[in-house]
Amino acid sequence: MAFMLYSIDEAIDRKYVVTKPLSGQAKSGTLIHVMDTHETSDGITVDYRVTKTGQNYVVKFPTVKEFCKWCRPDTFIARHYDSLSKKEIRQYLKITSRTFTSFCLPLIVVALAIIWVLAMVVIKGTVGIIIGVVLSLAAVLGVLYLFKAQKEKIKLKLYSKVNVGVSFK
């Protein structure tokens, strides 16, 4: 899940979840509050506060795109940060950051390669092609189901943990 800002000024007075750690500053999964930003000729400067510790930091990025890679807005994590562990937040970030091209496509390519090698070498002829097509469809559907099911599972787990007043069972 990617997001972009048109201007760094849009980031002021918002809470973000850090997705990539900075040494000596914010770690992955940390909630920050952007207090101020400055644009300079060599990049942007962001003044932020780590919500949990209250420490203020300044970080410099070459572009707004780099800032967007470092952190992202997430209202669910911002609201329920105290109810969640660092491990759960990191797992949530990992699962929700997955895309079709970063997660599904490599699995599909490997599965199709294995299926077609086996279909053409072990089971030759028309039967091998038919089995290859059927298994290919099954592999694609299985990977897509896994992609969707993992996202739903982690979200339901976290939503039920913070008890938002809705029963999911």
N, C-alpha and C. Protein backbone atom coordinates (compact mmCIF):
# COMPACT_ATOMS: atom_id res chain seq x y z
N MET A 1 0.85 -1.15 0.00
CA MET A 1 0.00 0.00 0.00
C MET A 1 0.91 1.23 0.00
N ALA A 2 0.81 2.02 -1.03
CA ALA A 2 1.65 3.19 -1.15
C ALA A 2 0.79 4.45 -1.05
N PHE A 3 1.36 5.52 -0.58
CA PHE A 3 0.69 6.80 -0.56
C PHE A 3 1.71 7.85 -0.94
N MET A 4 1.22 8.92 -1.48
CA MET A 4 2.10 10.02 -1.86
C MET A 4 1.48 11.34 -1.40
N LEU A 5 2.33 12.27 -1.08
CA LEU A 5 1.91 13.62 -0.76
C LEU A 5 2.23 14.51 -1.95
N TYR A 6 1.36 15.46 -2.21
CA TYR A 6 1.65 16.41 -3.28
C TYR A 6 2.67 17.45 -2.81
N SER A 7 2.61 17.76 -1.52
CA SER A 7 3.53 18.71 -0.93
C SER A 7 3.86 18.24 0.48
N ILE A 8 5.05 18.52 0.93
CA ILE A 8 5.44 18.10 2.29
C ILE A 8 4.63 18.85 3.35
N ASP A 9 4.06 19.99 2.99
CA ASP A 9 3.24 20.75 3.93
C ASP A 9 1.99 19.98 4.35
N GLU A 10 1.54 19.03 3.53
CA GLU A 10 0.38 18.21 3.88
C GLU A 10 0.68 17.29 5.06
N ALA A 11 1.93 17.05 5.36
CA ALA A 11 2.31 16.12 6.42
C ALA A 11 2.26 16.75 7.81
N ILE A 12 2.21 18.06 7.88
CA ILE A 12 2.27 18.75 9.17
C ILE A 12 1.04 18.43 10.00
N ASP A 13 1.28 18.19 11.30
CA ASP A 13 0.25 17.93 12.31
C ASP A 13 -0.55 16.66 12.01
N ARG A 14 0.14 15.64 11.53
CA ARG A 14 -0.47 14.34 11.31
C ARG A 14 0.39 13.26 11.95
N LYS A 15 -0.25 12.14 12.26
CA LYS A 15 0.48 11.01 12.84
C LYS A 15 0.78 9.99 11.76
N TYR A 16 1.98 9.42 11.85
CA TYR A 16 2.46 8.45 10.87
C TYR A 16 3.05 7.26 11.59
N VAL A 17 3.03 6.12 10.93
CA VAL A 17 3.69 4.92 11.43
C VAL A 17 4.97 4.75 10.62
N VAL A 18 6.09 4.62 11.33
CA VAL A 18 7.39 4.47 10.67
C VAL A 18 7.48 3.06 10.10
N THR A 19 7.83 2.96 8.82
CA THR A 19 7.95 1.65 8.17
C THR A 19 9.40 1.22 8.00
N LYS A 20 10.33 2.18 7.98
CA LYS A 20 11.75 1.86 7.87
C LYS A 20 12.49 2.59 8.99
N PRO A 21 13.29 1.86 9.78
CA PRO A 21 13.95 2.48 10.93
C PRO A 21 15.05 3.47 10.53
N LEU A 22 15.26 4.45 11.40
CA LEU A 22 16.39 5.37 11.29
C LEU A 22 17.27 5.13 12.50
N SER A 23 18.55 4.94 12.28
CA SER A 23 19.45 4.64 13.41
C SER A 23 19.49 5.80 14.40
N GLY A 24 19.31 5.47 15.65
CA GLY A 24 19.35 6.47 16.71
C GLY A 24 18.09 7.30 16.83
N GLN A 25 17.09 7.04 16.01
CA GLN A 25 15.85 7.82 16.08
C GLN A 25 14.66 6.88 16.19
N ALA A 26 13.78 6.89 15.23
CA ALA A 26 12.56 6.08 15.28
C ALA A 26 12.79 4.70 14.70
N LYS A 27 12.21 3.71 15.36
CA LYS A 27 12.30 2.33 14.89
C LYS A 27 11.05 1.99 14.08
N SER A 28 11.12 0.91 13.34
CA SER A 28 9.98 0.45 12.56
C SER A 28 8.81 0.12 13.49
N GLY A 29 7.63 0.58 13.12
CA GLY A 29 6.44 0.34 13.94
C GLY A 29 6.17 1.42 14.95
N THR A 30 7.01 2.45 15.01
CA THR A 30 6.85 3.54 15.97
C THR A 30 5.88 4.58 15.41
N LEU A 31 5.06 5.12 16.27
CA LEU A 31 4.13 6.16 15.89
C LEU A 31 4.80 7.51 16.10
N ILE A 32 4.76 8.37 15.07
CA ILE A 32 5.36 9.70 15.17
C ILE A 32 4.31 10.75 14.83
N HIS A 33 4.56 11.96 15.33
CA HIS A 33 3.71 13.10 15.03
C HIS A 33 4.59 14.14 14.34
N VAL A 34 4.28 14.45 13.08
CA VAL A 34 5.06 15.44 12.33
C VAL A 34 4.62 16.82 12.80
N MET A 35 5.59 17.59 13.34
CA MET A 35 5.27 18.90 13.89
C MET A 35 5.53 20.03 12.90
N ASP A 36 6.58 19.91 12.09
CA ASP A 36 6.90 20.97 11.15
C ASP A 36 7.76 20.41 10.02
N THR A 37 7.73 21.09 8.89
CA THR A 37 8.56 20.70 7.75
C THR A 37 9.12 21.95 7.09
N HIS A 38 10.26 21.81 6.46
CA HIS A 38 10.90 22.90 5.74
C HIS A 38 11.43 22.36 4.42
N GLU A 39 11.19 23.09 3.35
CA GLU A 39 11.77 22.73 2.06
C GLU A 39 13.02 23.56 1.83
N THR A 40 14.10 22.88 1.46
CA THR A 40 15.34 23.57 1.14
C THR A 40 15.77 23.15 -0.26
N SER A 41 16.83 23.74 -0.73
CA SER A 41 17.29 23.41 -2.08
C SER A 41 17.82 21.98 -2.20
N ASP A 42 18.32 21.42 -1.10
CA ASP A 42 18.86 20.06 -1.16
C ASP A 42 17.92 19.01 -0.57
N GLY A 43 16.66 19.34 -0.35
CA GLY A 43 15.71 18.35 0.14
C GLY A 43 14.70 18.96 1.09
N ILE A 44 14.17 18.11 1.95
CA ILE A 44 13.18 18.54 2.94
C ILE A 44 13.66 18.15 4.33
N THR A 45 13.30 18.97 5.30
CA THR A 45 13.61 18.69 6.69
C THR A 45 12.30 18.51 7.44
N VAL A 46 12.21 17.44 8.22
CA VAL A 46 11.00 17.12 8.96
C VAL A 46 11.30 17.12 10.45
N ASP A 47 10.56 17.90 11.21
CA ASP A 47 10.63 17.89 12.67
C ASP A 47 9.49 17.00 13.17
N TYR A 48 9.83 15.99 13.95
CA TYR A 48 8.79 15.08 14.42
C TYR A 48 9.04 14.70 15.87
N ARG A 49 7.98 14.19 16.49
CA ARG A 49 8.04 13.71 17.88
C ARG A 49 7.61 12.26 17.92
N VAL A 50 8.41 11.44 18.59
CA VAL A 50 8.03 10.05 18.81
C VAL A 50 6.94 10.06 19.88
N THR A 51 5.78 9.55 19.55
CA THR A 51 4.61 9.66 20.41
C THR A 51 4.82 8.98 21.77
N LYS A 52 5.41 7.81 21.76
CA LYS A 52 5.55 7.04 23.01
C LYS A 52 6.52 7.70 24.00
N THR A 53 7.67 8.17 23.49
CA THR A 53 8.69 8.72 24.38
C THR A 53 8.64 10.23 24.53
N GLY A 54 8.02 10.91 23.57
CA GLY A 54 7.95 12.37 23.62
C GLY A 54 9.23 13.05 23.16
N GLN A 55 10.17 12.30 22.61
CA GLN A 55 11.43 12.89 22.14
C GLN A 55 11.24 13.51 20.77
N ASN A 56 11.87 14.67 20.58
CA ASN A 56 11.81 15.37 19.30
C ASN A 56 13.06 15.06 18.47
N TYR A 57 12.85 14.90 17.18
CA TYR A 57 13.95 14.63 16.26
C TYR A 57 13.77 15.46 15.00
N VAL A 58 14.85 15.61 14.28
CA VAL A 58 14.84 16.26 12.97
C VAL A 58 15.50 15.29 12.00
N VAL A 59 14.87 15.11 10.85
CA VAL A 59 15.42 14.22 9.84
C VAL A 59 15.33 14.91 8.48
N LYS A 60 16.29 14.61 7.64
CA LYS A 60 16.36 15.23 6.32
C LYS A 60 16.17 14.16 5.24
N PHE A 61 15.34 14.48 4.25
CA PHE A 61 15.10 13.59 3.12
C PHE A 61 15.38 14.33 1.83
N PRO A 62 15.90 13.63 0.83
CA PRO A 62 16.16 14.30 -0.45
C PRO A 62 14.88 14.70 -1.18
N THR A 63 13.82 13.89 -1.04
CA THR A 63 12.56 14.18 -1.73
C THR A 63 11.37 13.81 -0.85
N VAL A 64 10.19 14.25 -1.25
CA VAL A 64 8.96 13.87 -0.56
C VAL A 64 8.72 12.36 -0.72
N LYS A 65 9.12 11.83 -1.86
CA LYS A 65 8.96 10.38 -2.11
C LYS A 65 9.72 9.56 -1.08
N GLU A 66 10.91 9.98 -0.72
CA GLU A 66 11.70 9.27 0.31
C GLU A 66 11.01 9.35 1.68
N PHE A 67 10.42 10.50 1.99
CA PHE A 67 9.66 10.63 3.23
C PHE A 67 8.49 9.64 3.24
N CYS A 68 7.80 9.52 2.11
CA CYS A 68 6.66 8.60 2.00
C CYS A 68 7.08 7.14 2.12
N LYS A 69 8.31 6.82 1.73
CA LYS A 69 8.82 5.46 1.91
C LYS A 69 9.18 5.19 3.37
N TRP A 70 9.58 6.23 4.10
CA TRP A 70 10.00 6.09 5.49
C TRP A 70 8.83 5.88 6.43
N CYS A 71 7.71 6.56 6.18
CA CYS A 71 6.56 6.42 7.06
C CYS A 71 5.27 6.56 6.26
N ARG A 72 4.17 6.15 6.87
CA ARG A 72 2.88 6.26 6.20
C ARG A 72 1.79 6.55 7.22
N PRO A 73 0.73 7.22 6.79
CA PRO A 73 -0.37 7.49 7.72
C PRO A 73 -1.19 6.21 7.93
N ASP A 74 -1.62 5.99 9.14
CA ASP A 74 -2.47 4.84 9.43
C ASP A 74 -3.32 5.19 10.64
N THR A 75 -4.58 5.50 10.41
CA THR A 75 -5.45 5.94 11.50
C THR A 75 -5.75 4.82 12.49
N PHE A 76 -5.82 3.57 12.02
CA PHE A 76 -6.08 2.46 12.93
C PHE A 76 -4.95 2.33 13.96
N ILE A 77 -3.72 2.32 13.48
CA ILE A 77 -2.58 2.22 14.40
C ILE A 77 -2.51 3.46 15.29
N ALA A 78 -2.76 4.63 14.74
CA ALA A 78 -2.70 5.86 15.54
C ALA A 78 -3.71 5.84 16.68
N ARG A 79 -4.90 5.32 16.43
CA ARG A 79 -5.94 5.29 17.48
C ARG A 79 -5.67 4.24 18.55
N HIS A 80 -5.12 3.11 18.15
CA HIS A 80 -5.00 1.97 19.07
C HIS A 80 -3.55 1.59 19.34
N TYR A 81 -2.65 2.53 19.22
CA TYR A 81 -1.22 2.26 19.36
C TYR A 81 -0.88 1.65 20.72
N ASP A 82 -1.50 2.14 21.78
CA ASP A 82 -1.19 1.65 23.12
C ASP A 82 -1.70 0.23 23.36
N SER A 83 -2.69 -0.21 22.61
CA SER A 83 -3.25 -1.55 22.79
C SER A 83 -2.48 -2.63 22.04
N LEU A 84 -1.57 -2.23 21.15
CA LEU A 84 -0.88 -3.19 20.29
C LEU A 84 0.59 -3.30 20.66
N SER A 85 1.15 -4.48 20.47
CA SER A 85 2.58 -4.67 20.71
C SER A 85 3.37 -4.28 19.46
N LYS A 86 4.67 -4.07 19.62
CA LYS A 86 5.54 -3.73 18.47
C LYS A 86 5.51 -4.86 17.43
N LYS A 87 5.50 -6.09 17.90
CA LYS A 87 5.49 -7.24 16.99
C LYS A 87 4.22 -7.23 16.14
N GLU A 88 3.08 -6.97 16.76
CA GLU A 88 1.82 -6.93 16.03
C GLU A 88 1.79 -5.78 15.02
N ILE A 89 2.33 -4.64 15.40
CA ILE A 89 2.36 -3.49 14.49
C ILE A 89 3.26 -3.79 13.30
N ARG A 90 4.42 -4.38 13.55
CA ARG A 90 5.33 -4.71 12.45
C ARG A 90 4.71 -5.75 11.51
N GLN A 91 4.03 -6.75 12.09
CA GLN A 91 3.38 -7.76 11.26
C GLN A 91 2.26 -7.12 10.43
N TYR A 92 1.50 -6.24 11.04
CA TYR A 92 0.43 -5.51 10.33
C TYR A 92 1.01 -4.70 9.18
N LEU A 93 2.12 -4.00 9.43
CA LEU A 93 2.77 -3.21 8.37
C LEU A 93 3.28 -4.11 7.25
N LYS A 94 3.87 -5.24 7.62
CA LYS A 94 4.42 -6.16 6.62
C LYS A 94 3.31 -6.72 5.72
N ILE A 95 2.22 -7.15 6.33
CA ILE A 95 1.12 -7.76 5.58
C ILE A 95 0.38 -6.72 4.75
N THR A 96 0.10 -5.55 5.31
CA THR A 96 -0.66 -4.54 4.57
C THR A 96 0.18 -3.84 3.50
N SER A 97 1.50 -3.94 3.58
CA SER A 97 2.36 -3.33 2.56
C SER A 97 2.54 -4.23 1.35
N ARG A 98 2.08 -5.45 1.43
CA ARG A 98 2.23 -6.37 0.30
C ARG A 98 1.37 -5.91 -0.88
N THR A 99 1.93 -6.09 -2.05
CA THR A 99 1.19 -5.81 -3.27
C THR A 99 1.17 -7.07 -4.13
N PHE A 100 0.38 -7.01 -5.19
CA PHE A 100 0.31 -8.15 -6.08
C PHE A 100 1.68 -8.46 -6.68
N THR A 101 2.39 -7.42 -7.10
CA THR A 101 3.68 -7.64 -7.75
C THR A 101 4.78 -8.05 -6.77
N SER A 102 4.69 -7.62 -5.52
CA SER A 102 5.75 -7.98 -4.57
C SER A 102 5.51 -9.32 -3.89
N PHE A 103 4.27 -9.77 -3.83
CA PHE A 103 3.98 -11.01 -3.12
C PHE A 103 3.45 -12.11 -4.05
N CYS A 104 2.39 -11.82 -4.77
CA CYS A 104 1.73 -12.85 -5.59
C CYS A 104 2.52 -13.24 -6.82
N LEU A 105 3.01 -12.27 -7.54
CA LEU A 105 3.66 -12.55 -8.82
C LEU A 105 4.85 -13.51 -8.70
N PRO A 106 5.77 -13.31 -7.74
CA PRO A 106 6.87 -14.29 -7.62
C PRO A 106 6.38 -15.70 -7.30
N LEU A 107 5.39 -15.82 -6.43
CA LEU A 107 4.86 -17.14 -6.09
C LEU A 107 4.19 -17.80 -7.30
N ILE A 108 3.45 -17.01 -8.04
CA ILE A 108 2.77 -17.54 -9.22
C ILE A 108 3.78 -18.00 -10.27
N VAL A 109 4.81 -17.22 -10.50
CA VAL A 109 5.82 -17.58 -11.51
C VAL A 109 6.52 -18.89 -11.12
N VAL A 110 6.92 -19.01 -9.87
CA VAL A 110 7.60 -20.24 -9.42
C VAL A 110 6.65 -21.43 -9.51
N ALA A 111 5.41 -21.26 -9.06
CA ALA A 111 4.45 -22.36 -9.12
C ALA A 111 4.18 -22.79 -10.55
N LEU A 112 4.02 -21.84 -11.45
CA LEU A 112 3.76 -22.19 -12.86
C LEU A 112 4.96 -22.88 -13.49
N ALA A 113 6.15 -22.43 -13.15
CA ALA A 113 7.35 -23.08 -13.71
C ALA A 113 7.43 -24.54 -13.26
N ILE A 114 7.21 -24.78 -11.98
CA ILE A 114 7.25 -26.16 -11.46
C ILE A 114 6.15 -27.01 -12.08
N ILE A 115 4.94 -26.45 -12.16
CA ILE A 115 3.81 -27.21 -12.71
C ILE A 115 4.07 -27.59 -14.16
N TRP A 116 4.53 -26.64 -14.97
CA TRP A 116 4.71 -26.94 -16.39
C TRP A 116 5.92 -27.85 -16.65
N VAL A 117 6.95 -27.75 -15.83
CA VAL A 117 8.07 -28.68 -16.00
C VAL A 117 7.60 -30.09 -15.68
N LEU A 118 6.88 -30.25 -14.59
CA LEU A 118 6.37 -31.58 -14.23
C LEU A 118 5.34 -32.08 -15.25
N ALA A 119 4.47 -31.19 -15.74
CA ALA A 119 3.44 -31.60 -16.69
C ALA A 119 4.04 -32.05 -18.01
N MET A 120 5.10 -31.39 -18.44
CA MET A 120 5.68 -31.73 -19.74
C MET A 120 6.69 -32.88 -19.66
N VAL A 121 7.36 -33.06 -18.52
CA VAL A 121 8.38 -34.10 -18.39
C VAL A 121 7.76 -35.41 -17.87
N VAL A 122 6.98 -35.33 -16.80
CA VAL A 122 6.44 -36.53 -16.18
C VAL A 122 5.21 -37.04 -16.94
N ILE A 123 4.26 -36.15 -17.21
CA ILE A 123 3.03 -36.55 -17.88
C ILE A 123 3.06 -35.90 -19.27
N LYS A 124 3.40 -36.66 -20.26
CA LYS A 124 3.59 -36.11 -21.61
C LYS A 124 2.29 -36.12 -22.40
N GLY A 125 2.25 -35.29 -23.43
CA GLY A 125 1.13 -35.31 -24.36
C GLY A 125 -0.01 -34.39 -23.95
N THR A 126 -1.17 -34.72 -24.49
CA THR A 126 -2.37 -33.90 -24.27
C THR A 126 -2.80 -33.92 -22.81
N VAL A 127 -2.67 -35.07 -22.18
CA VAL A 127 -3.05 -35.18 -20.77
C VAL A 127 -2.17 -34.26 -19.91
N GLY A 128 -0.90 -34.18 -20.22
CA GLY A 128 0.01 -33.30 -19.48
C GLY A 128 -0.35 -31.83 -19.64
N ILE A 129 -0.77 -31.47 -20.85
CA ILE A 129 -1.17 -30.07 -21.08
C ILE A 129 -2.45 -29.75 -20.32
N ILE A 130 -3.41 -30.65 -20.35
CA ILE A 130 -4.67 -30.43 -19.63
C ILE A 130 -4.42 -30.33 -18.13
N ILE A 131 -3.62 -31.24 -17.59
CA ILE A 131 -3.29 -31.20 -16.16
C ILE A 131 -2.52 -29.91 -15.83
N GLY A 132 -1.61 -29.51 -16.71
CA GLY A 132 -0.86 -28.27 -16.51
C GLY A 132 -1.76 -27.05 -16.45
N VAL A 133 -2.76 -26.98 -17.33
CA VAL A 133 -3.69 -25.85 -17.34
C VAL A 133 -4.53 -25.83 -16.06
N VAL A 134 -5.05 -26.99 -15.68
CA VAL A 134 -5.88 -27.07 -14.47
C VAL A 134 -5.07 -26.70 -13.22
N LEU A 135 -3.87 -27.26 -13.11
CA LEU A 135 -3.03 -26.95 -11.95
C LEU A 135 -2.57 -25.49 -11.95
N SER A 136 -2.36 -24.93 -13.15
CA SER A 136 -1.98 -23.52 -13.24
C SER A 136 -3.08 -22.62 -12.71
N LEU A 137 -4.31 -22.89 -13.11
CA LEU A 137 -5.45 -22.12 -12.61
C LEU A 137 -5.60 -22.27 -11.09
N ALA A 138 -5.43 -23.50 -10.63
CA ALA A 138 -5.53 -23.76 -9.19
C ALA A 138 -4.42 -23.01 -8.42
N ALA A 139 -3.22 -22.99 -8.97
CA ALA A 139 -2.10 -22.29 -8.31
C ALA A 139 -2.35 -20.79 -8.24
N VAL A 140 -2.82 -20.21 -9.34
CA VAL A 140 -3.10 -18.77 -9.36
C VAL A 140 -4.19 -18.42 -8.36
N LEU A 141 -5.27 -19.18 -8.38
CA LEU A 141 -6.37 -18.93 -7.44
C LEU A 141 -5.93 -19.14 -6.00
N GLY A 142 -5.10 -20.15 -5.76
CA GLY A 142 -4.60 -20.40 -4.40
C GLY A 142 -3.73 -19.27 -3.88
N VAL A 143 -2.86 -18.74 -4.72
CA VAL A 143 -1.99 -17.64 -4.30
C VAL A 143 -2.82 -16.38 -4.04
N LEU A 144 -3.79 -16.10 -4.90
CA LEU A 144 -4.65 -14.93 -4.69
C LEU A 144 -5.48 -15.07 -3.41
N TYR A 145 -5.97 -16.29 -3.15
CA TYR A 145 -6.70 -16.53 -1.91
C TYR A 145 -5.80 -16.32 -0.69
N LEU A 146 -4.57 -16.83 -0.75
CA LEU A 146 -3.61 -16.66 0.33
C LEU A 146 -3.33 -15.18 0.58
N PHE A 147 -3.15 -14.43 -0.48
CA PHE A 147 -2.89 -12.99 -0.41
C PHE A 147 -4.02 -12.27 0.33
N LYS A 148 -5.24 -12.56 -0.06
CA LYS A 148 -6.39 -11.90 0.56
C LYS A 148 -6.64 -12.41 1.98
N ALA A 149 -6.51 -13.71 2.19
CA ALA A 149 -6.80 -14.30 3.50
C ALA A 149 -5.82 -13.82 4.57
N GLN A 150 -4.54 -13.67 4.22
CA GLN A 150 -3.57 -13.19 5.21
C GLN A 150 -3.88 -11.77 5.65
N LYS A 151 -4.25 -10.91 4.72
CA LYS A 151 -4.61 -9.53 5.07
C LYS A 151 -5.83 -9.50 5.98
N GLU A 152 -6.84 -10.27 5.63
CA GLU A 152 -8.05 -10.32 6.45
C GLU A 152 -7.77 -10.88 7.83
N LYS A 153 -6.96 -11.93 7.90
CA LYS A 153 -6.67 -12.59 9.17
C LYS A 153 -5.97 -11.63 10.14
N ILE A 154 -4.94 -10.92 9.67
CA ILE A 154 -4.21 -10.03 10.56
C ILE A 154 -5.08 -8.85 10.98
N LYS A 155 -5.88 -8.33 10.06
CA LYS A 155 -6.75 -7.20 10.40
C LYS A 155 -7.81 -7.62 11.42
N LEU A 156 -8.44 -8.77 11.21
CA LEU A 156 -9.45 -9.25 12.15
C LEU A 156 -8.83 -9.52 13.53
N LYS A 157 -7.63 -10.06 13.54
CA LYS A 157 -6.95 -10.34 14.80
C LYS A 157 -6.72 -9.04 15.58
N LEU A 158 -6.24 -8.02 14.89
CA LEU A 158 -5.98 -6.75 15.56
C LEU A 158 -7.27 -6.03 15.93
N TYR A 159 -8.26 -6.05 15.05
CA TYR A 159 -9.53 -5.40 15.36
C TYR A 159 -10.20 -6.03 16.56
N SER A 160 -10.15 -7.37 16.65
CA SER A 160 -10.77 -8.03 17.80
C SER A 160 -9.97 -7.79 19.07
N LYS A 161 -8.67 -7.57 18.94
CA LYS A 161 -7.84 -7.30 20.13
C LYS A 161 -8.16 -5.94 20.73
N VAL A 162 -8.38 -4.94 19.89
CA VAL A 162 -8.64 -3.60 20.42
C VAL A 162 -10.10 -3.42 20.78
N ASN A 163 -10.95 -4.42 20.42
CA ASN A 163 -12.35 -4.42 20.79
C ASN A 163 -13.04 -3.11 20.38
N VAL A 164 -13.21 -2.95 19.09
CA VAL A 164 -13.84 -1.74 18.57
C VAL A 164 -15.36 -1.74 18.72
N GLY A 165 -15.90 -2.72 19.40
CA GLY A 165 -17.32 -2.77 19.64
C GLY A 165 -18.09 -3.60 18.63
N VAL A 166 -17.39 -4.26 17.73
CA VAL A 166 -18.04 -5.09 16.72
C VAL A 166 -17.55 -6.52 16.91
N SER A 167 -18.48 -7.46 16.89
CA SER A 167 -18.12 -8.86 17.03
C SER A 167 -17.88 -9.46 15.65
N PHE A 168 -16.70 -10.06 15.45
CA PHE A 168 -16.35 -10.65 14.17
C PHE A 168 -16.55 -12.14 14.12
N LYS A 169 -17.01 -12.74 15.20
CA LYS A 169 -17.13 -14.21 15.24
C LYS A 169 -18.54 -14.65 15.09
